[in-house]
Amino acid sequence: MSTFTYTPRGVCSIKLDFEIDGDIVKNVRFTGGCNGNTQGISKLVEGMRVDDVIARLKGVNCNGRGTSCPDQLATALELAKKEL
């Protein structure tokens, strides 16, 4: 299992921690952001394959910002894949 920390850009959350076990996403924790939404995202992606999470969340836009907390999670997962 590998642990990762990512600093989101362009969103309200300030830190994103997660683990990847094989190709499975685990223990996603956002610091900051819309608490209910980030908790929901975390619970929904728990146990999903990395590529499936990226495919579903990449490009989600929050109020015209060009990104969102889900999009930032997808970006973080893409970067983490390169390190594995």
Protein backbone atom coordinates (compact mmCIF):
# COMPACT_ATOMS: atom_id res chain seq x y z
CA MET A 1 0.00 0.00 0.00
CA SER A 2 1.28 3.47 -0.90
CA THR A 3 0.27 6.73 0.81
CA PHE A 4 0.06 10.02 -1.07
CA THR A 5 -0.48 13.69 -0.19
CA TYR A 6 -1.52 16.24 -2.80
CA THR A 7 -2.06 20.00 -2.54
CA PRO A 8 -5.19 20.85 -4.55
CA ARG A 9 -5.19 23.95 -6.77
CA GLY A 10 -8.10 26.25 -7.57
CA VAL A 11 -10.48 24.80 -4.97
CA CYS A 12 -11.42 25.34 -1.33
CA SER A 13 -9.75 22.19 -0.01
CA ILE A 14 -6.11 22.67 0.97
CA LYS A 15 -4.85 19.10 1.29
CA LEU A 16 -5.74 15.68 -0.04
CA ASP A 17 -4.45 12.42 1.45
CA PHE A 18 -5.16 8.97 0.05
CA GLU A 19 -3.79 5.47 -0.28
CA ILE A 20 -3.53 3.13 -3.23
CA ASP A 21 -3.44 -0.60 -2.58
CA GLY A 22 -2.61 -2.34 -5.86
CA ASP A 23 -4.95 -0.37 -8.10
CA ILE A 24 -7.61 0.30 -5.45
CA VAL A 25 -8.26 3.72 -3.90
CA LYS A 26 -8.47 3.77 -0.09
CA ASN A 27 -8.72 6.23 2.80
CA VAL A 28 -9.36 9.45 0.86
CA ARG A 29 -9.27 12.46 3.21
CA PHE A 30 -9.79 16.07 2.14
CA THR A 31 -8.73 18.92 4.42
CA GLY A 32 -10.95 21.94 3.89
CA GLY A 33 -13.54 22.31 1.18
CA CYS A 34 -17.25 21.60 1.50
CA ASN A 35 -17.22 19.04 4.29
CA GLY A 36 -20.30 17.09 3.28
CA ASN A 37 -19.32 16.95 -0.38
CA THR A 38 -15.74 15.89 0.27
CA GLN A 39 -16.88 13.21 2.71
CA GLY A 40 -19.33 11.97 0.10
CA ILE A 41 -16.67 11.83 -2.61
CA SER A 42 -14.37 9.95 -0.26
CA LYS A 43 -17.00 7.33 0.58
CA LEU A 44 -18.06 6.91 -3.05
CA VAL A 45 -14.56 6.25 -4.39
CA GLU A 46 -13.43 3.99 -1.53
CA GLY A 47 -12.66 0.57 -3.00
CA MET A 48 -12.83 1.71 -6.64
CA ARG A 49 -10.06 1.13 -9.18
CA VAL A 50 -7.81 4.16 -9.72
CA ASP A 51 -8.59 4.36 -13.45
CA ASP A 52 -12.34 4.20 -12.81
CA VAL A 53 -12.17 7.10 -10.34
CA ILE A 54 -10.13 9.16 -12.80
CA ALA A 55 -12.56 8.42 -15.64
CA ARG A 56 -15.57 9.46 -13.56
CA LEU A 57 -14.19 12.56 -11.86
CA LYS A 58 -11.78 14.14 -14.37
CA GLY A 59 -13.21 17.41 -15.70
CA VAL A 60 -15.88 18.03 -13.04
CA ASN A 61 -16.17 21.81 -12.82
CA CYS A 62 -17.17 23.77 -9.69
CA ASN A 63 -18.89 27.11 -10.43
CA GLY A 64 -16.79 27.88 -13.51
CA ARG A 65 -13.44 27.44 -11.75
CA GLY A 66 -12.24 24.97 -14.38
CA THR A 67 -11.70 22.39 -11.65
CA SER A 68 -13.32 21.00 -8.50
CA CYS A 69 -12.44 18.80 -5.54
CA PRO A 70 -13.44 15.68 -7.52
CA ASP A 71 -11.33 16.87 -10.48
CA GLN A 72 -8.40 17.54 -8.15
CA LEU A 73 -8.70 14.00 -6.77
CA ALA A 74 -8.54 12.68 -10.35
CA THR A 75 -5.43 14.79 -10.97
CA ALA A 76 -3.82 13.55 -7.75
CA LEU A 77 -4.53 9.95 -8.73
CA GLU A 78 -3.00 10.49 -12.17
CA LEU A 79 0.17 11.82 -10.55
CA ALA A 80 0.23 8.98 -8.02
CA LYS A 81 -0.02 6.40 -10.82
CA LYS A 82 3.22 7.76 -12.27
CA GLU A 83 4.97 7.14 -8.95
CA LEU A 84 3.81 3.55 -8.58
